[in-house]
Amino acid sequence: MDSPTPASARIGIIGAGPGGLTCARILQRNGIAVTVHDRDPDADSRNQGGSLDLHDDDGQLALREAGLLEEFFALARFDGQEMRDLDPAGNLLAHHVPDEDETTKPEIDRGQLRDLLLRSLAAGTVQWGRTLESVSGPAGGPRTLTFTDGTTVESDLVIGADGAFSRVRAAISPAAPQYTGVSFLEAHFDDMENAHPELCALVGKGSAHAADGERGLFAQRNSGGHMRVYIMQQVPMDWIAAQGLRPEDTEAIRAHLLGAYADWSPEILRMITENDGPYVDRPLLALPVPHTWEHAAGVTLLGDAAHLMPPLGVGVNLAMLDASELALALANSASVDDAVRAYEKTMLPRSAEIAQMLEGGAQSMLAVPDPDDRRFGPDRA
């Protein structure tokens, strides 16, 4: 089967995260029709997560192509670029205070970014409540999307933007995410200024990181007076169950953590003892390095579906850069297949290089902070 022109192709994106929505927006700006399928029942069915720092050399470039950079700047928190390195006693080791006009990597809540992208799309672009079961069909296309409700859709190009556990990935790669050996517990804090003033003073307006070589804490301020803390440990993936605990056993988990962090000061342990509500277990996973695949007609991947890495400040930015480059390749190629080949020729080597640089990086978040190494920080995803 001859590959169709992008303008005539049936293009389906799986996943309405930042990558999938960015790709859809840029395609529509270039007159190319697209449908996004997402498993969430609607846009507001769940919390979208913490804060993101969008870099001026990837995430912001994608927003410029999407025509949304100025709207992003209107929402972004530039003071969120502040970064503090602390020791376990709460002493300040290093402190980055952003310049007044610094726009290198301002922060935005993930939900705010998603809403910005959703508002930019034509009505009906996102089909909610669509959980993909499989991608099938001949190598030459078209591909058939089968959803868990039994419905099917034919597509000339399926774009997997469906994250770590991508169902699209299985159509072109046997790779599966593996546990890195490091696990996060996410803790939530509300009404920071009134309920947690001591933590406000400790963390500042942006992020704060502390580690002792075996464990760590990473705090990030969010909009609306909220904060998230990631309690970072090198533990078995099933460590909660191995301790005889359940994820909802907040007080028992807290008592266990206070034992593990017994040498840390009471000031910094507020990040463990003052959270509002239960902890959320988030083991860190990564795809094999490098993760590549043989080109296949009508299917490609972007973001975590293509190159899941440790959360060291590049994930969402790379997903949006992938999305922008794929959409522009489709806008400037004679056929869908030509566009996908051009995109993968750039994306796969880039992601392999970055993944190799970050391999084993999950453990680096537990290392005592190096004030001279500010290349990466825990991803705001």
Protein backbone atom coordinates (compact mmCIF):
# COMPACT_ATOMS: atom_id res chain seq x y z
CA MET A 1 0.00 0.00 0.00
CA ASP A 2 1.33 3.45 -0.92
CA SER A 3 1.78 5.78 2.02
CA PRO A 4 -0.88 8.55 1.98
CA THR A 5 -0.14 12.23 2.07
CA PRO A 6 -0.33 13.70 5.58
CA ALA A 7 -3.21 15.95 4.51
CA SER A 8 -5.31 12.92 3.51
CA ALA A 9 -4.18 10.54 6.24
CA ARG A 10 -6.19 9.28 9.17
CA ILE A 11 -3.90 10.13 12.10
CA GLY A 12 -4.61 8.86 15.60
CA ILE A 13 -2.66 9.90 18.70
CA ILE A 14 -2.94 7.70 21.79
CA GLY A 15 -2.58 9.73 24.97
CA ALA A 16 -3.65 13.26 25.88
CA GLY A 17 -0.57 14.20 27.86
CA PRO A 18 1.73 17.12 27.00
CA GLY A 19 3.38 15.22 24.13
CA GLY A 20 0.23 13.99 22.46
CA LEU A 21 -1.59 17.32 22.79
CA THR A 22 1.41 19.30 21.53
CA CYS A 23 1.61 17.09 18.46
CA ALA A 24 -2.12 17.49 17.82
CA ARG A 25 -1.97 21.28 18.20
CA ILE A 26 0.91 21.71 15.75
CA LEU A 27 -0.71 19.36 13.24
CA GLN A 28 -3.93 21.37 13.36
CA ARG A 29 -2.00 24.64 12.99
CA ASN A 30 -0.63 23.19 9.77
CA GLY A 31 -4.02 22.11 8.44
CA ILE A 32 -3.65 18.39 9.20
CA ALA A 33 -6.58 16.54 10.78
CA VAL A 34 -5.94 14.41 13.86
CA THR A 35 -7.84 12.58 16.58
CA VAL A 36 -6.51 12.04 20.11
CA HIS A 37 -7.75 9.04 22.10
CA ASP A 38 -7.34 9.04 25.89
CA ARG A 39 -8.40 6.54 28.54
CA ASP A 40 -9.51 9.19 31.08
CA PRO A 41 -13.30 9.58 31.16
CA ASP A 42 -12.95 13.37 30.82
CA ALA A 43 -10.42 16.17 31.12
CA ASP A 44 -11.01 16.66 34.85
CA SER A 45 -11.23 13.07 36.06
CA ARG A 46 -7.88 13.00 37.89
CA ASN A 47 -5.13 15.21 39.21
CA GLN A 48 -2.47 15.68 36.53
CA GLY A 49 0.50 15.74 38.89
CA GLY A 50 3.06 18.25 40.03
CA SER A 51 5.04 21.07 38.52
CA LEU A 52 7.01 21.05 35.26
CA ASP A 53 9.98 23.18 34.27
CA LEU A 54 9.84 23.84 30.54
CA HIS A 55 13.27 24.50 29.04
CA ASP A 56 13.99 27.18 26.48
CA ASP A 57 15.78 24.71 24.17
CA ASP A 58 13.06 22.05 23.88
CA GLY A 59 9.73 22.43 25.69
CA GLN A 60 9.50 26.15 24.96
CA LEU A 61 10.53 25.59 21.34
CA ALA A 62 7.58 23.23 20.97
CA LEU A 63 5.21 25.77 22.48
CA ARG A 64 6.49 28.39 20.06
CA GLU A 65 5.65 26.08 17.15
CA ALA A 66 2.25 25.55 18.76
CA GLY A 67 1.68 29.32 18.92
CA LEU A 68 1.26 29.12 22.70
CA LEU A 69 4.51 30.48 24.10
CA GLU A 70 3.13 33.83 25.21
CA GLU A 71 0.15 32.17 26.87
CA PHE A 72 2.58 29.85 28.66
CA PHE A 73 4.63 32.79 29.89
CA ALA A 74 1.43 34.37 31.27
CA LEU A 75 0.82 31.25 33.38
CA ALA A 76 4.40 30.29 34.26
CA ARG A 77 5.98 30.83 37.67
CA PHE A 78 9.37 32.39 37.03
CA ASP A 79 10.22 32.48 40.74
CA GLY A 80 9.76 28.70 40.67
CA GLN A 81 13.22 28.49 39.06
CA GLU A 82 14.71 29.01 42.53
CA MET A 83 16.62 25.89 43.62
CA ARG A 84 18.11 25.01 47.00
CA ASP A 85 20.48 22.19 47.93
CA LEU A 86 20.33 21.25 51.61
CA ASP A 87 22.12 18.82 53.86
CA PRO A 88 20.22 16.43 56.19
CA ALA A 89 20.47 19.01 58.95
CA GLY A 90 18.66 21.58 56.81
CA ASN A 91 21.75 23.70 56.18
CA LEU A 92 21.91 25.48 52.82
CA LEU A 93 24.66 24.07 50.59
CA ALA A 94 23.84 25.91 47.36
CA HIS A 95 21.18 28.36 46.28
CA HIS A 96 20.13 29.40 42.79
CA VAL A 97 18.06 32.57 42.77
CA PRO A 98 16.73 33.32 39.26
CA ASP A 99 17.39 36.69 37.69
CA GLU A 100 14.35 38.90 37.33
CA ASP A 101 14.24 38.32 33.55
CA GLU A 102 15.35 34.66 33.59
CA THR A 103 13.24 32.48 31.28
CA THR A 104 15.49 29.41 31.04
CA LYS A 105 13.09 26.94 32.68
CA PRO A 106 10.06 28.51 34.39
CA GLU A 107 7.60 26.28 36.20
CA ILE A 108 3.99 25.47 35.39
CA ASP A 109 1.63 22.97 36.97
CA ARG A 110 1.10 19.96 34.75
CA GLY A 111 -2.66 20.47 34.88
CA GLN A 112 -2.32 24.09 33.76
CA LEU A 113 -0.18 23.06 30.79
CA ARG A 114 -2.66 20.37 29.80
CA ASP A 115 -5.55 22.83 29.99
CA LEU A 116 -3.62 25.34 27.86
CA LEU A 117 -3.06 22.71 25.18
CA LEU A 118 -6.62 21.37 25.34
CA ARG A 119 -8.11 24.84 24.89
CA SER A 120 -6.02 25.31 21.76
CA LEU A 121 -7.48 22.29 19.95
CA ALA A 122 -10.52 22.15 17.71
CA ALA A 123 -13.67 20.95 19.49
CA GLY A 124 -13.95 17.16 19.53
CA THR A 125 -10.26 16.50 18.86
CA VAL A 126 -9.87 14.49 22.06
CA GLN A 127 -12.02 11.39 22.41
CA TRP A 128 -12.28 10.63 26.13
CA GLY A 129 -12.88 7.23 27.72
CA ARG A 130 -10.97 5.44 24.96
CA THR A 131 -8.63 2.84 26.48
CA LEU A 132 -6.49 1.21 23.80
CA GLU A 133 -6.25 -2.56 23.91
CA SER A 134 -4.08 -3.25 20.87
CA VAL A 135 -2.75 -2.09 17.51
CA SER A 136 -3.04 -4.58 14.67
CA GLY A 137 -3.07 -4.67 10.88
CA PRO A 138 -0.67 -5.36 8.03
CA ALA A 139 2.83 -3.90 8.00
CA GLY A 140 1.91 -1.73 5.03
CA GLY A 141 -1.15 -0.35 6.81
CA PRO A 142 -3.72 0.75 7.55
CA ARG A 143 -3.55 -0.08 11.26
CA THR A 144 -6.54 -1.04 13.38
CA LEU A 145 -6.94 0.41 16.86
CA THR A 146 -8.97 -1.85 19.14
CA PHE A 147 -10.32 -0.31 22.32
CA THR A 148 -11.42 -2.09 25.48
CA ASP A 149 -15.06 -1.23 24.82
CA GLY A 150 -14.89 -3.37 21.69
CA THR A 151 -14.85 -0.52 19.16
CA THR A 152 -12.23 -0.25 16.43
CA VAL A 153 -10.79 2.58 14.36
CA GLU A 154 -8.61 2.42 11.25
CA SER A 155 -5.58 4.75 11.12
CA ASP A 156 -2.93 5.47 8.52
CA LEU A 157 -0.62 6.64 11.31
CA VAL A 158 -0.79 5.67 14.98
CA ILE A 159 1.29 7.88 17.29
CA GLY A 160 1.99 6.33 20.67
CA ALA A 161 2.10 9.14 23.22
CA ASP A 162 0.75 6.87 25.94
CA GLY A 163 3.61 6.89 28.40
CA ALA A 164 5.59 4.27 30.29
CA PHE A 165 3.15 1.41 29.77
CA SER A 166 2.37 2.24 26.15
CA ARG A 167 0.03 -0.15 24.36
CA VAL A 168 1.22 1.24 21.02
CA ARG A 169 4.85 0.28 21.75
CA ALA A 170 4.01 -3.41 21.55
CA ALA A 171 3.26 -3.00 17.83
CA ILE A 172 6.90 -2.20 17.04
CA SER A 173 9.01 -3.16 20.07
CA PRO A 174 9.06 -5.93 22.72
CA ALA A 175 10.74 -3.62 25.25
CA ALA A 176 9.13 -3.12 28.65
CA PRO A 177 10.03 -0.74 31.50
CA GLN A 178 12.29 -2.11 34.21
CA TYR A 179 12.62 -1.00 37.83
CA THR A 180 15.63 1.24 38.41
CA GLY A 181 16.09 0.27 42.07
CA VAL A 182 14.94 3.68 43.31
CA SER A 183 11.44 4.43 44.51
CA PHE A 184 9.65 7.67 45.30
CA LEU A 185 6.90 8.24 47.83
CA GLU A 186 4.97 11.36 46.89
CA ALA A 187 3.65 13.50 49.75
CA HIS A 188 1.18 16.37 49.32
CA PHE A 189 0.99 19.64 51.27
CA ASP A 190 -1.81 22.22 51.10
CA ASP A 191 -2.22 25.86 52.19
CA MET A 192 1.54 26.22 52.53
CA GLU A 193 1.74 29.81 53.73
CA ASN A 194 -0.70 29.27 56.60
CA ALA A 195 -0.41 25.59 57.48
CA HIS A 196 3.30 24.98 56.78
CA PRO A 197 5.19 28.28 57.18
CA GLU A 198 8.38 26.56 58.38
CA LEU A 199 8.52 24.46 55.22
CA CYS A 200 7.89 27.58 53.13
CA ALA A 201 10.96 29.16 54.69
CA LEU A 202 13.03 25.98 54.18
CA VAL A 203 12.07 25.29 50.58
CA GLY A 204 11.64 28.81 49.22
CA LYS A 205 9.52 29.56 46.13
CA GLY A 206 10.88 26.82 43.89
CA SER A 207 12.47 23.47 44.72
CA ALA A 208 14.75 22.03 47.38
CA HIS A 209 16.82 18.83 47.36
CA ALA A 210 18.62 17.01 50.15
CA ALA A 211 20.38 13.63 50.16
CA ASP A 212 22.89 11.69 52.25
CA GLY A 213 24.13 9.11 49.75
CA GLU A 214 21.49 6.50 50.61
CA ARG A 215 18.22 8.41 50.63
CA GLY A 216 16.90 11.81 49.68
CA LEU A 217 14.06 14.32 49.69
CA PHE A 218 12.97 16.58 46.85
CA ALA A 219 10.39 19.30 47.46
CA GLN A 220 8.70 21.38 44.76
CA ARG A 221 6.30 24.25 45.21
CA ASN A 222 3.17 24.14 43.05
CA SER A 223 0.65 26.86 42.30
CA GLY A 224 -2.33 27.58 44.55
CA GLY A 225 -0.38 27.21 47.79
CA HIS A 226 0.40 23.52 47.25
CA MET A 227 3.67 21.60 47.51
CA ARG A 228 4.80 18.08 46.66
CA VAL A 229 7.68 16.22 48.30
CA TYR A 230 9.27 13.12 46.80
CA ILE A 231 10.78 10.82 49.42
CA MET A 232 13.53 8.97 47.54
CA GLN A 233 14.97 5.61 48.61
CA GLN A 234 16.94 2.73 47.12
CA VAL A 235 14.61 -0.11 48.07
CA PRO A 236 12.97 -3.20 46.52
CA MET A 237 10.02 -2.30 44.32
CA ASP A 238 7.63 -4.05 46.74
CA TRP A 239 9.16 -2.54 49.87
CA ILE A 240 5.86 -1.38 51.34
CA ALA A 241 4.32 -4.86 51.23
CA ALA A 242 7.64 -6.39 52.37
CA GLN A 243 7.37 -4.28 55.53
CA GLY A 244 3.88 -5.66 56.14
CA LEU A 245 2.32 -2.33 55.23
CA ARG A 246 -0.28 -1.09 52.75
CA PRO A 247 -0.08 2.16 50.75
CA GLU A 248 -3.02 3.59 52.70
CA ASP A 249 -1.30 2.94 56.07
CA THR A 250 -0.09 6.55 56.28
CA GLU A 251 0.87 6.60 59.96
CA ALA A 252 2.66 3.25 59.81
CA ILE A 253 4.58 4.24 56.68
CA ARG A 254 5.50 7.55 58.31
CA ALA A 255 6.85 5.72 61.36
CA HIS A 256 8.94 3.48 59.10
CA LEU A 257 10.30 6.50 57.22
CA LEU A 258 11.23 8.29 60.43
CA GLY A 259 13.31 5.26 61.32
CA ALA A 260 15.03 5.28 57.94
CA TYR A 261 15.70 9.05 58.20
CA ALA A 262 16.52 8.97 61.91
CA ASP A 263 19.74 10.99 61.51
CA TRP A 264 18.01 13.88 59.71
CA SER A 265 17.03 17.04 61.56
CA PRO A 266 13.45 17.65 62.77
CA GLU A 267 13.37 20.77 60.61
CA ILE A 268 13.82 18.89 57.35
CA LEU A 269 11.78 15.90 58.54
CA ARG A 270 8.70 18.12 58.35
CA MET A 271 8.70 16.99 54.71
CA ILE A 272 7.83 13.51 56.01
CA THR A 273 5.70 14.32 59.06
CA GLU A 274 3.45 17.20 57.93
CA ASN A 275 1.97 15.92 54.67
CA ASP A 276 -1.77 16.31 54.15
CA GLY A 277 -3.22 12.93 53.26
CA PRO A 278 -1.67 9.60 52.23
CA TYR A 279 1.60 8.94 50.45
CA VAL A 280 1.61 7.84 46.79
CA ASP A 281 3.99 5.02 45.83
CA ARG A 282 5.92 5.83 42.65
CA PRO A 283 8.68 3.31 41.81
CA LEU A 284 10.97 4.66 39.08
CA LEU A 285 11.05 2.70 35.83
CA ALA A 286 13.13 3.06 32.66
CA LEU A 287 13.29 1.47 29.22
CA PRO A 288 16.42 -0.41 28.08
CA VAL A 289 19.26 1.79 26.85
CA PRO A 290 19.25 2.41 23.98
CA HIS A 291 15.66 1.71 23.00
CA THR A 292 15.28 1.55 19.23
CA TRP A 293 13.07 -0.28 16.76
CA GLU A 294 12.89 -1.16 13.09
CA HIS A 295 10.88 1.39 11.15
CA ALA A 296 7.31 0.21 10.67
CA ALA A 297 4.77 1.78 8.35
CA GLY A 298 2.03 3.62 10.14
CA VAL A 299 3.27 3.43 13.77
CA THR A 300 5.69 5.55 15.78
CA LEU A 301 6.27 6.67 19.36
CA LEU A 302 7.12 9.83 21.23
CA GLY A 303 7.97 10.78 24.80
CA ASP A 304 8.04 8.12 27.53
CA ALA A 305 6.50 5.58 25.17
CA ALA A 306 9.70 5.86 23.11
CA HIS A 307 12.37 6.57 25.72
CA LEU A 308 11.30 6.32 29.36
CA MET A 309 14.23 7.56 31.50
CA PRO A 310 14.89 8.41 35.14
CA PRO A 311 13.10 11.65 36.14
CA LEU A 312 16.05 14.01 35.83
CA GLY A 313 14.40 17.05 34.30
CA VAL A 314 14.14 15.99 30.66
CA GLY A 315 11.04 13.79 30.28
CA VAL A 316 8.22 16.20 29.42
CA ASN A 317 10.57 18.55 27.57
CA LEU A 318 11.76 15.72 25.30
CA ALA A 319 8.18 14.54 24.76
CA MET A 320 7.14 18.00 23.58
CA LEU A 321 10.21 18.34 21.36
CA ASP A 322 9.46 14.91 19.85
CA ALA A 323 5.86 15.99 19.27
CA SER A 324 6.88 19.22 17.57
CA GLU A 325 9.41 17.54 15.28
CA LEU A 326 6.99 14.78 14.29
CA ALA A 327 4.19 17.24 13.55
CA LEU A 328 6.47 19.48 11.50
CA ALA A 329 7.83 16.48 9.60
CA LEU A 330 4.26 15.55 8.68
CA ALA A 331 3.55 19.13 7.62
CA ASN A 332 6.59 19.21 5.35
CA SER A 333 6.72 15.72 3.81
CA ALA A 334 5.11 14.25 0.72
CA SER A 335 3.94 11.13 2.53
CA VAL A 336 3.29 9.88 6.04
CA ASP A 337 6.06 7.31 5.71
CA ASP A 338 8.58 9.93 4.59
CA ALA A 339 7.65 12.05 7.62
CA VAL A 340 7.97 9.22 10.13
CA ARG A 341 11.34 8.17 8.70
CA ALA A 342 12.63 11.75 8.92
CA TYR A 343 11.37 12.11 12.51
CA GLU A 344 12.83 8.81 13.72
CA LYS A 345 16.17 9.57 12.03
CA THR A 346 16.53 12.53 14.41
CA MET A 347 14.62 11.38 17.49
CA LEU A 348 16.09 7.91 17.99
CA PRO A 349 19.80 8.94 18.09
CA ARG A 350 18.99 11.93 20.31
CA SER A 351 17.01 9.91 22.82
CA ALA A 352 19.64 7.16 22.84
CA GLU A 353 22.38 9.68 23.60
CA ILE A 354 20.42 11.29 26.44
CA ALA A 355 19.33 7.92 27.85
CA GLN A 356 22.93 6.73 27.91
CA MET A 357 23.94 9.92 29.71
CA LEU A 358 21.19 9.42 32.32
CA GLU A 359 21.53 5.64 32.70
CA GLY A 360 21.84 4.88 36.41
CA GLY A 361 20.82 8.45 37.12
CA ALA A 362 18.06 7.43 39.50
CA GLN A 363 20.76 6.59 42.06
CA SER A 364 22.40 9.98 41.50
CA MET A 365 19.40 11.66 43.13
CA LEU A 366 20.43 10.02 46.40
CA ALA A 367 24.00 11.35 46.19
CA VAL A 368 25.10 14.27 48.32
CA PRO A 369 24.35 17.37 46.17
CA ASP A 370 27.21 18.72 44.08
CA PRO A 371 26.82 22.53 43.97
CA ASP A 372 28.77 22.64 40.69
CA ASP A 373 26.47 20.22 38.84
CA ARG A 374 23.19 21.96 38.03
CA ARG A 375 22.59 20.26 34.68
CA PHE A 376 19.67 18.21 35.86
CA GLY A 377 17.22 18.05 38.71
CA PRO A 378 14.35 15.67 39.47
CA ASP A 379 11.74 15.97 36.73
CA ARG A 380 8.79 18.15 37.64
CA ALA A 381 6.51 15.51 36.14
